[in-house]
Amino acid sequence: MENRGVTLIELISTLAISAILGLIAVPAMSHFIQQQQLRSAAYNLYHLLANARATAISQQQRVSVWNQNGDWRSGVELFIDSNDNGQRENTETSLYTATDHENIYISGNRWVANYVSYLPNGRAATASGAFQAGTISLCKSGLNDKYQLVISIGGRLRLQKSPSNSCP
């Protein structure tokens, strides 16, 4: 006897099992997507700062990355900082502009709260010329991890992941 299809009971049981597996997978997938959004934002900012340092060295000019509205979440801009103040003026050349990071909290400590500026020798420096070292933290509400971009005295970057108790 030839088998030409499936019975209604086989079809319903297969659909029921698929629905149960789907209900289990959706919350896990949502959490995974949130983790990847945070990870992506951290790596994008890391690569932008690394690019700023490399550009400063290769072009032998001061290059800065600043958050345009005093908030790292609202977007950042990479530019040739010809007047060495850490803020982009209309006369300065913009090299790259990044859009905002929705639902991701990004903040820098005192020395990197508004900008990171690299000298032609690769060191990070404030507008006054003092060395610039600090940490930019990225976290997302509902996740247990945060990323930190640590800028050393010499301007080198380190990206680290650490547990987070809370995210504002």
N, C-alpha and C. Protein backbone atom coordinates (compact mmCIF):
# COMPACT_ATOMS: atom_id res chain seq x y z
N MET A 1 0.83 -1.18 0.00
CA MET A 1 0.00 0.00 0.00
C MET A 1 0.88 1.25 0.00
N GLU A 2 0.56 2.23 -0.82
CA GLU A 2 1.33 3.45 -0.93
C GLU A 2 0.88 4.47 0.12
N ASN A 3 1.86 5.22 0.64
CA ASN A 3 1.58 6.30 1.59
C ASN A 3 1.62 7.61 0.81
N ARG A 4 0.49 8.29 0.70
CA ARG A 4 0.40 9.49 -0.14
C ARG A 4 0.38 10.79 0.68
N GLY A 5 0.49 10.76 1.98
CA GLY A 5 0.43 11.99 2.76
C GLY A 5 0.46 11.69 4.24
N VAL A 6 0.08 12.68 5.02
CA VAL A 6 0.05 12.54 6.47
C VAL A 6 -1.39 12.65 6.94
N THR A 7 -1.63 12.05 8.09
CA THR A 7 -2.98 12.12 8.64
C THR A 7 -3.17 13.44 9.36
N LEU A 8 -4.41 13.76 9.64
CA LEU A 8 -4.72 15.00 10.35
C LEU A 8 -4.11 15.00 11.75
N ILE A 9 -4.09 13.88 12.41
CA ILE A 9 -3.51 13.78 13.76
C ILE A 9 -2.01 14.02 13.71
N GLU A 10 -1.32 13.48 12.72
CA GLU A 10 0.12 13.71 12.58
C GLU A 10 0.40 15.19 12.32
N LEU A 11 -0.39 15.80 11.50
CA LEU A 11 -0.22 17.21 11.18
C LEU A 11 -0.45 18.10 12.40
N ILE A 12 -1.51 17.85 13.15
CA ILE A 12 -1.81 18.64 14.35
C ILE A 12 -0.74 18.46 15.41
N SER A 13 -0.27 17.23 15.61
CA SER A 13 0.77 17.01 16.63
C SER A 13 2.08 17.70 16.23
N THR A 14 2.41 17.69 14.95
CA THR A 14 3.62 18.38 14.48
C THR A 14 3.50 19.89 14.69
N LEU A 15 2.35 20.46 14.38
CA LEU A 15 2.12 21.88 14.60
C LEU A 15 2.17 22.24 16.08
N ALA A 16 1.63 21.38 16.94
CA ALA A 16 1.65 21.63 18.38
C ALA A 16 3.08 21.64 18.91
N ILE A 17 3.88 20.68 18.49
CA ILE A 17 5.27 20.63 18.93
C ILE A 17 6.03 21.86 18.42
N SER A 18 5.79 22.26 17.17
CA SER A 18 6.44 23.45 16.61
C SER A 18 6.05 24.71 17.37
N ALA A 19 4.78 24.82 17.76
CA ALA A 19 4.31 25.98 18.51
C ALA A 19 4.97 26.05 19.88
N ILE A 20 5.09 24.91 20.55
CA ILE A 20 5.72 24.88 21.88
C ILE A 20 7.19 25.28 21.76
N LEU A 21 7.88 24.73 20.80
CA LEU A 21 9.29 25.10 20.60
C LEU A 21 9.44 26.58 20.26
N GLY A 22 8.51 27.10 19.48
CA GLY A 22 8.54 28.52 19.15
C GLY A 22 8.34 29.40 20.37
N LEU A 23 7.43 29.01 21.27
CA LEU A 23 7.19 29.78 22.49
C LEU A 23 8.41 29.78 23.41
N ILE A 24 9.16 28.72 23.38
CA ILE A 24 10.37 28.65 24.19
C ILE A 24 11.49 29.48 23.57
N ALA A 25 11.59 29.46 22.25
CA ALA A 25 12.70 30.10 21.55
C ALA A 25 12.57 31.62 21.46
N VAL A 26 11.36 32.16 21.38
CA VAL A 26 11.18 33.60 21.17
C VAL A 26 11.78 34.45 22.29
N PRO A 27 11.52 34.17 23.58
CA PRO A 27 12.15 34.99 24.62
C PRO A 27 13.67 34.89 24.62
N ALA A 28 14.18 33.70 24.39
CA ALA A 28 15.63 33.53 24.35
C ALA A 28 16.22 34.30 23.17
N MET A 29 15.54 34.30 22.06
CA MET A 29 16.02 35.01 20.89
C MET A 29 15.98 36.52 21.12
N SER A 30 14.97 37.02 21.79
CA SER A 30 14.85 38.43 22.10
C SER A 30 16.02 38.88 22.99
N HIS A 31 16.35 38.10 23.99
CA HIS A 31 17.47 38.40 24.89
C HIS A 31 18.79 38.38 24.09
N PHE A 32 18.93 37.41 23.21
CA PHE A 32 20.12 37.30 22.37
C PHE A 32 20.26 38.53 21.48
N ILE A 33 19.17 39.00 20.90
CA ILE A 33 19.21 40.17 20.02
C ILE A 33 19.63 41.41 20.82
N GLN A 34 19.12 41.57 22.04
CA GLN A 34 19.50 42.71 22.88
C GLN A 34 20.99 42.66 23.21
N GLN A 35 21.49 41.46 23.52
CA GLN A 35 22.92 41.32 23.82
C GLN A 35 23.76 41.69 22.60
N GLN A 36 23.32 41.28 21.42
CA GLN A 36 24.07 41.58 20.21
C GLN A 36 24.03 43.06 19.86
N GLN A 37 22.92 43.74 20.16
CA GLN A 37 22.85 45.18 19.92
C GLN A 37 23.86 45.91 20.80
N LEU A 38 23.95 45.51 22.06
CA LEU A 38 24.92 46.12 22.98
C LEU A 38 26.34 45.83 22.52
N ARG A 39 26.61 44.60 22.18
CA ARG A 39 27.95 44.20 21.72
C ARG A 39 28.32 44.97 20.46
N SER A 40 27.40 45.09 19.53
CA SER A 40 27.65 45.80 18.28
C SER A 40 27.96 47.28 18.54
N ALA A 41 27.20 47.92 19.42
CA ALA A 41 27.46 49.33 19.74
C ALA A 41 28.84 49.50 20.36
N ALA A 42 29.22 48.58 21.25
CA ALA A 42 30.53 48.65 21.90
C ALA A 42 31.66 48.49 20.88
N TYR A 43 31.54 47.51 20.01
CA TYR A 43 32.58 47.30 19.01
C TYR A 43 32.62 48.43 17.99
N ASN A 44 31.48 48.99 17.62
CA ASN A 44 31.48 50.13 16.70
C ASN A 44 32.20 51.32 17.28
N LEU A 45 31.94 51.62 18.55
CA LEU A 45 32.62 52.75 19.20
C LEU A 45 34.11 52.47 19.36
N TYR A 46 34.45 51.23 19.70
CA TYR A 46 35.86 50.83 19.82
C TYR A 46 36.59 51.06 18.50
N HIS A 47 36.00 50.58 17.40
CA HIS A 47 36.65 50.73 16.10
C HIS A 47 36.71 52.18 15.64
N LEU A 48 35.71 52.97 16.01
CA LEU A 48 35.74 54.38 15.66
C LEU A 48 36.89 55.09 16.38
N LEU A 49 37.09 54.80 17.65
CA LEU A 49 38.19 55.41 18.40
C LEU A 49 39.54 54.91 17.90
N ALA A 50 39.62 53.63 17.57
CA ALA A 50 40.87 53.09 17.02
C ALA A 50 41.18 53.74 15.67
N ASN A 51 40.16 53.96 14.87
CA ASN A 51 40.33 54.63 13.59
C ASN A 51 40.79 56.08 13.79
N ALA A 52 40.25 56.75 14.79
CA ALA A 52 40.66 58.13 15.09
C ALA A 52 42.15 58.17 15.44
N ARG A 53 42.60 57.23 16.25
CA ARG A 53 44.01 57.19 16.64
C ARG A 53 44.90 56.91 15.42
N ALA A 54 44.50 55.95 14.61
CA ALA A 54 45.29 55.61 13.41
C ALA A 54 45.33 56.78 12.44
N THR A 55 44.22 57.49 12.29
CA THR A 55 44.18 58.65 11.39
C THR A 55 45.08 59.77 11.90
N ALA A 56 45.07 60.00 13.21
CA ALA A 56 45.94 61.04 13.78
C ALA A 56 47.41 60.73 13.51
N ILE A 57 47.77 59.46 13.65
CA ILE A 57 49.17 59.06 13.42
C ILE A 57 49.51 59.16 11.93
N SER A 58 48.64 58.64 11.08
CA SER A 58 48.96 58.61 9.65
C SER A 58 48.94 60.00 9.00
N GLN A 59 48.04 60.87 9.44
CA GLN A 59 47.95 62.20 8.85
C GLN A 59 48.75 63.26 9.63
N GLN A 60 49.33 62.84 10.75
CA GLN A 60 50.12 63.75 11.59
C GLN A 60 49.35 65.02 11.94
N GLN A 61 48.08 64.81 12.34
CA GLN A 61 47.21 65.90 12.77
C GLN A 61 46.40 65.43 13.97
N ARG A 62 45.97 66.37 14.77
CA ARG A 62 45.09 66.03 15.88
C ARG A 62 43.72 65.63 15.34
N VAL A 63 43.22 64.49 15.79
CA VAL A 63 41.92 63.98 15.37
C VAL A 63 41.10 63.73 16.62
N SER A 64 39.84 64.16 16.60
CA SER A 64 38.97 64.01 17.76
C SER A 64 37.68 63.29 17.40
N VAL A 65 37.10 62.66 18.41
CA VAL A 65 35.77 62.07 18.32
C VAL A 65 34.97 62.74 19.43
N TRP A 66 33.86 63.35 19.06
CA TRP A 66 33.05 64.01 20.09
C TRP A 66 31.60 63.62 19.96
N ASN A 67 30.92 63.66 21.10
CA ASN A 67 29.47 63.44 21.10
C ASN A 67 28.83 64.80 20.93
N GLN A 68 28.06 64.95 19.90
CA GLN A 68 27.60 66.25 19.46
C GLN A 68 26.72 66.99 20.46
N ASN A 69 25.93 66.29 21.24
CA ASN A 69 25.00 66.94 22.16
C ASN A 69 25.35 66.72 23.62
N GLY A 70 26.60 66.38 23.90
CA GLY A 70 26.99 66.10 25.27
C GLY A 70 26.53 64.74 25.76
N ASP A 71 26.10 63.89 24.84
CA ASP A 71 25.60 62.56 25.18
C ASP A 71 26.10 61.58 24.13
N TRP A 72 26.86 60.58 24.54
CA TRP A 72 27.43 59.61 23.60
C TRP A 72 26.35 58.85 22.84
N ARG A 73 25.14 58.75 23.38
CA ARG A 73 24.06 58.01 22.72
C ARG A 73 23.51 58.75 21.50
N SER A 74 23.63 60.06 21.48
CA SER A 74 22.98 60.85 20.42
C SER A 74 23.76 60.86 19.12
N GLY A 75 24.89 60.22 19.07
CA GLY A 75 25.70 60.17 17.86
C GLY A 75 27.07 60.79 18.10
N VAL A 76 28.01 60.37 17.30
CA VAL A 76 29.39 60.85 17.44
C VAL A 76 29.92 61.28 16.08
N GLU A 77 30.96 62.09 16.14
CA GLU A 77 31.57 62.59 14.91
C GLU A 77 33.09 62.53 15.03
N LEU A 78 33.73 62.02 14.00
CA LEU A 78 35.18 61.93 13.90
C LEU A 78 35.62 63.05 12.97
N PHE A 79 36.59 63.87 13.41
CA PHE A 79 36.99 65.03 12.60
C PHE A 79 38.43 65.43 12.87
N ILE A 80 39.00 66.17 11.91
CA ILE A 80 40.33 66.76 12.08
C ILE A 80 40.15 67.98 12.97
N ASP A 81 40.78 67.95 14.14
CA ASP A 81 40.60 69.01 15.14
C ASP A 81 41.71 70.04 14.98
N SER A 82 41.56 70.93 14.03
CA SER A 82 42.62 71.89 13.71
C SER A 82 42.84 72.94 14.78
N ASN A 83 41.83 73.24 15.60
CA ASN A 83 42.03 74.24 16.66
C ASN A 83 42.21 73.60 18.03
N ASP A 84 42.30 72.29 18.11
CA ASP A 84 42.66 71.54 19.32
C ASP A 84 41.72 71.74 20.50
N ASN A 85 40.42 71.96 20.25
CA ASN A 85 39.52 72.19 21.39
C ASN A 85 38.58 71.02 21.67
N GLY A 86 38.62 69.98 20.83
CA GLY A 86 37.78 68.81 21.07
C GLY A 86 36.34 68.95 20.60
N GLN A 87 35.99 70.08 20.03
CA GLN A 87 34.64 70.30 19.50
C GLN A 87 34.75 70.67 18.03
N ARG A 88 33.84 70.12 17.24
CA ARG A 88 33.90 70.37 15.80
C ARG A 88 33.31 71.73 15.47
N GLU A 89 34.11 72.51 14.77
CA GLU A 89 33.68 73.81 14.25
C GLU A 89 33.33 73.61 12.78
N ASN A 90 32.62 74.54 12.19
CA ASN A 90 32.22 74.44 10.78
C ASN A 90 33.41 74.40 9.83
N THR A 91 34.53 74.98 10.23
CA THR A 91 35.71 75.03 9.37
C THR A 91 36.53 73.74 9.42
N GLU A 92 36.24 72.85 10.35
CA GLU A 92 37.02 71.62 10.51
C GLU A 92 36.42 70.48 9.68
N THR A 93 37.28 69.63 9.17
CA THR A 93 36.88 68.55 8.26
C THR A 93 36.30 67.38 9.03
N SER A 94 35.07 67.03 8.72
CA SER A 94 34.42 65.86 9.31
C SER A 94 34.81 64.62 8.50
N LEU A 95 35.27 63.58 9.19
CA LEU A 95 35.68 62.36 8.51
C LEU A 95 34.61 61.28 8.58
N TYR A 96 33.81 61.28 9.64
CA TYR A 96 32.80 60.24 9.82
C TYR A 96 31.78 60.70 10.85
N THR A 97 30.52 60.40 10.58
CA THR A 97 29.45 60.69 11.53
C THR A 97 28.66 59.41 11.77
N ALA A 98 28.44 59.09 13.03
CA ALA A 98 27.66 57.89 13.38
C ALA A 98 26.35 58.33 14.01
N THR A 99 25.31 57.56 13.75
CA THR A 99 23.99 57.88 14.28
C THR A 99 23.85 57.41 15.73
N ASP A 100 22.69 57.71 16.28
CA ASP A 100 22.44 57.38 17.69
C ASP A 100 22.29 55.88 17.92
N HIS A 101 22.47 55.50 19.18
CA HIS A 101 22.32 54.11 19.62
C HIS A 101 21.08 54.05 20.50
N GLU A 102 19.97 53.60 19.93
CA GLU A 102 18.72 53.56 20.67
C GLU A 102 18.78 52.57 21.82
N ASN A 103 18.23 52.98 22.93
CA ASN A 103 18.06 52.12 24.11
C ASN A 103 19.37 51.61 24.70
N ILE A 104 20.48 52.20 24.34
CA ILE A 104 21.76 51.81 24.92
C ILE A 104 22.30 53.01 25.67
N TYR A 105 22.62 52.82 26.94
CA TYR A 105 23.15 53.89 27.78
C TYR A 105 24.66 53.92 27.59
N ILE A 106 25.19 55.06 27.16
CA ILE A 106 26.63 55.24 26.94
C ILE A 106 27.07 56.48 27.70
N SER A 107 28.06 56.31 28.56
CA SER A 107 28.56 57.46 29.32
C SER A 107 30.06 57.34 29.52
N GLY A 108 30.70 58.48 29.53
CA GLY A 108 32.13 58.53 29.80
C GLY A 108 32.39 59.18 31.14
N ASN A 109 33.47 58.77 31.79
CA ASN A 109 33.80 59.44 33.05
C ASN A 109 34.33 60.84 32.76
N ARG A 110 34.74 61.55 33.75
CA ARG A 110 35.04 62.98 33.64
C ARG A 110 35.90 63.35 32.43
N TRP A 111 36.96 62.61 32.18
CA TRP A 111 37.92 63.02 31.16
C TRP A 111 37.48 62.67 29.74
N VAL A 112 36.54 61.77 29.60
CA VAL A 112 36.05 61.39 28.27
C VAL A 112 34.54 61.56 28.18
N ALA A 113 34.00 62.45 28.96
CA ALA A 113 32.55 62.67 28.98
C ALA A 113 32.04 63.27 27.68
N ASN A 114 32.84 64.11 27.02
CA ASN A 114 32.38 64.80 25.81
C ASN A 114 33.17 64.48 24.56
N TYR A 115 34.45 64.16 24.69
CA TYR A 115 35.27 63.90 23.51
C TYR A 115 36.49 63.06 23.88
N VAL A 116 37.07 62.46 22.85
CA VAL A 116 38.38 61.81 22.94
C VAL A 116 39.19 62.39 21.79
N SER A 117 40.39 62.87 22.11
CA SER A 117 41.21 63.54 21.11
C SER A 117 42.59 62.90 21.05
N TYR A 118 43.04 62.58 19.83
CA TYR A 118 44.35 61.95 19.64
C TYR A 118 45.33 62.89 18.97
N LEU A 119 46.55 62.91 19.50
CA LEU A 119 47.64 63.71 18.95
C LEU A 119 48.34 62.92 17.84
N PRO A 120 49.17 63.57 17.04
CA PRO A 120 49.87 62.87 15.96
C PRO A 120 50.78 61.72 16.43
N ASN A 121 51.18 61.71 17.69
CA ASN A 121 52.00 60.60 18.21
C ASN A 121 51.14 59.45 18.76
N GLY A 122 49.80 59.56 18.66
CA GLY A 122 48.92 58.48 19.10
C GLY A 122 48.44 58.59 20.53
N ARG A 123 48.97 59.56 21.28
CA ARG A 123 48.51 59.76 22.65
C ARG A 123 47.18 60.48 22.66
N ALA A 124 46.34 60.16 23.64
CA ALA A 124 45.09 60.89 23.84
C ALA A 124 45.38 62.10 24.73
N ALA A 125 44.82 63.25 24.38
CA ALA A 125 45.11 64.47 25.13
C ALA A 125 43.85 65.33 25.22
N THR A 126 43.75 66.06 26.32
CA THR A 126 42.64 67.00 26.49
C THR A 126 42.94 68.26 25.68
N ALA A 127 41.98 69.17 25.64
CA ALA A 127 42.17 70.43 24.91
C ALA A 127 43.34 71.23 25.47
N SER A 128 43.60 71.09 26.77
CA SER A 128 44.71 71.83 27.39
C SER A 128 46.06 71.16 27.14
N GLY A 129 46.05 69.94 26.58
CA GLY A 129 47.30 69.24 26.30
C GLY A 129 47.65 68.17 27.32
N ALA A 130 46.90 68.10 28.42
CA ALA A 130 47.15 67.08 29.43
C ALA A 130 46.75 65.71 28.88
N PHE A 131 47.36 64.64 29.43
CA PHE A 131 47.00 63.31 28.93
C PHE A 131 45.53 63.03 29.23
N GLN A 132 44.93 62.30 28.35
CA GLN A 132 43.51 61.99 28.49
C GLN A 132 43.36 60.48 28.62
N ALA A 133 42.92 60.04 29.77
CA ALA A 133 42.65 58.63 30.02
C ALA A 133 41.28 58.55 30.66
N GLY A 134 40.56 57.50 30.38
CA GLY A 134 39.24 57.37 30.97
C GLY A 134 38.52 56.13 30.50
N THR A 135 37.27 56.02 30.88
CA THR A 135 36.46 54.86 30.56
C THR A 135 35.10 55.30 30.05
N ILE A 136 34.71 54.72 28.93
CA ILE A 136 33.37 54.92 28.38
C ILE A 136 32.62 53.62 28.60
N SER A 137 31.50 53.68 29.30
CA SER A 137 30.72 52.49 29.64
C SER A 137 29.47 52.41 28.77
N LEU A 138 29.12 51.21 28.35
CA LEU A 138 27.92 50.95 27.55
C LEU A 138 27.12 49.85 28.24
N CYS A 139 25.83 50.09 28.45
CA CYS A 139 24.97 49.07 29.02
C CYS A 139 23.57 49.22 28.45
N LYS A 140 22.77 48.21 28.66
CA LYS A 140 21.40 48.20 28.17
C LYS A 140 20.51 47.67 29.28
N SER A 141 19.41 48.35 29.50
CA SER A 141 18.48 47.96 30.55
C SER A 141 17.99 46.53 30.32
N GLY A 142 17.98 45.73 31.39
CA GLY A 142 17.51 44.36 31.31
C GLY A 142 18.61 43.35 31.08
N LEU A 143 19.84 43.81 30.80
CA LEU A 143 20.95 42.90 30.60
C LEU A 143 21.87 42.92 31.82
N ASN A 144 22.56 41.83 32.05
CA ASN A 144 23.43 41.71 33.22
C ASN A 144 24.88 42.06 32.92
N ASP A 145 25.18 42.40 31.69
CA ASP A 145 26.56 42.72 31.31
C ASP A 145 26.66 44.15 30.81
N LYS A 146 27.87 44.70 30.90
CA LYS A 146 28.16 45.99 30.30
C LYS A 146 29.52 45.90 29.64
N TYR A 147 29.76 46.81 28.71
CA TYR A 147 31.06 46.90 28.05
C TYR A 147 31.71 48.20 28.49
N GLN A 148 33.03 48.15 28.61
CA GLN A 148 33.79 49.35 28.95
C GLN A 148 34.93 49.53 27.96
N LEU A 149 35.02 50.73 27.42
CA LEU A 149 36.15 51.12 26.58
C LEU A 149 37.11 51.88 27.48
N VAL A 150 38.27 51.32 27.71
CA VAL A 150 39.25 51.92 28.59
C VAL A 150 40.35 52.53 27.73
N ILE A 151 40.59 53.82 27.93
CA ILE A 151 41.63 54.53 27.19
C ILE A 151 42.79 54.77 28.16
N SER A 152 43.96 54.23 27.81
CA SER A 152 45.12 54.33 28.70
C SER A 152 45.82 55.67 28.53
N ILE A 153 46.82 55.91 29.36
CA ILE A 153 47.58 57.16 29.30
C ILE A 153 48.21 57.35 27.93
N GLY A 154 48.68 56.26 27.32
CA GLY A 154 49.32 56.35 26.00
C GLY A 154 48.33 56.42 24.85
N GLY A 155 47.03 56.36 25.13
CA GLY A 155 46.02 56.44 24.08
C GLY A 155 45.53 55.10 23.58
N ARG A 156 46.10 54.01 24.09
CA ARG A 156 45.68 52.68 23.64
C ARG A 156 44.30 52.35 24.20
N LEU A 157 43.56 51.60 23.40
CA LEU A 157 42.19 51.22 23.77
C LEU A 157 42.14 49.78 24.23
N ARG A 158 41.23 49.53 25.15
CA ARG A 158 40.94 48.16 25.59
C ARG A 158 39.43 48.06 25.76
N LEU A 159 38.85 47.03 25.19
CA LEU A 159 37.41 46.78 25.34
C LEU A 159 37.25 45.60 26.27
N GLN A 160 36.48 45.80 27.33
CA GLN A 160 36.26 44.71 28.27
C GLN A 160 34.78 44.58 28.60
N LYS A 161 34.39 43.35 28.85
CA LYS A 161 33.01 43.05 29.23
C LYS A 161 33.02 42.70 30.71
N SER A 162 32.06 43.24 31.45
CA SER A 162 32.02 42.98 32.88
C SER A 162 30.56 42.91 33.34
N PRO A 163 30.33 42.30 34.50
CA PRO A 163 28.95 42.24 35.02
C PRO A 163 28.46 43.63 35.40
N SER A 164 27.16 43.83 35.23
CA SER A 164 26.55 45.12 35.55
C SER A 164 25.41 44.89 36.53
N ASN A 165 25.44 45.62 37.62
CA ASN A 165 24.35 45.50 38.61
C ASN A 165 23.11 46.23 38.17
N SER A 166 23.30 47.36 37.51
CA SER A 166 22.14 48.14 37.06
C SER A 166 22.57 49.02 35.89
N CYS A 167 21.60 49.42 35.11
CA CYS A 167 21.84 50.32 34.00
C CYS A 167 20.80 51.43 34.08
N PRO A 168 21.25 52.69 34.12
CA PRO A 168 20.28 53.79 34.27
C PRO A 168 19.25 53.86 33.17
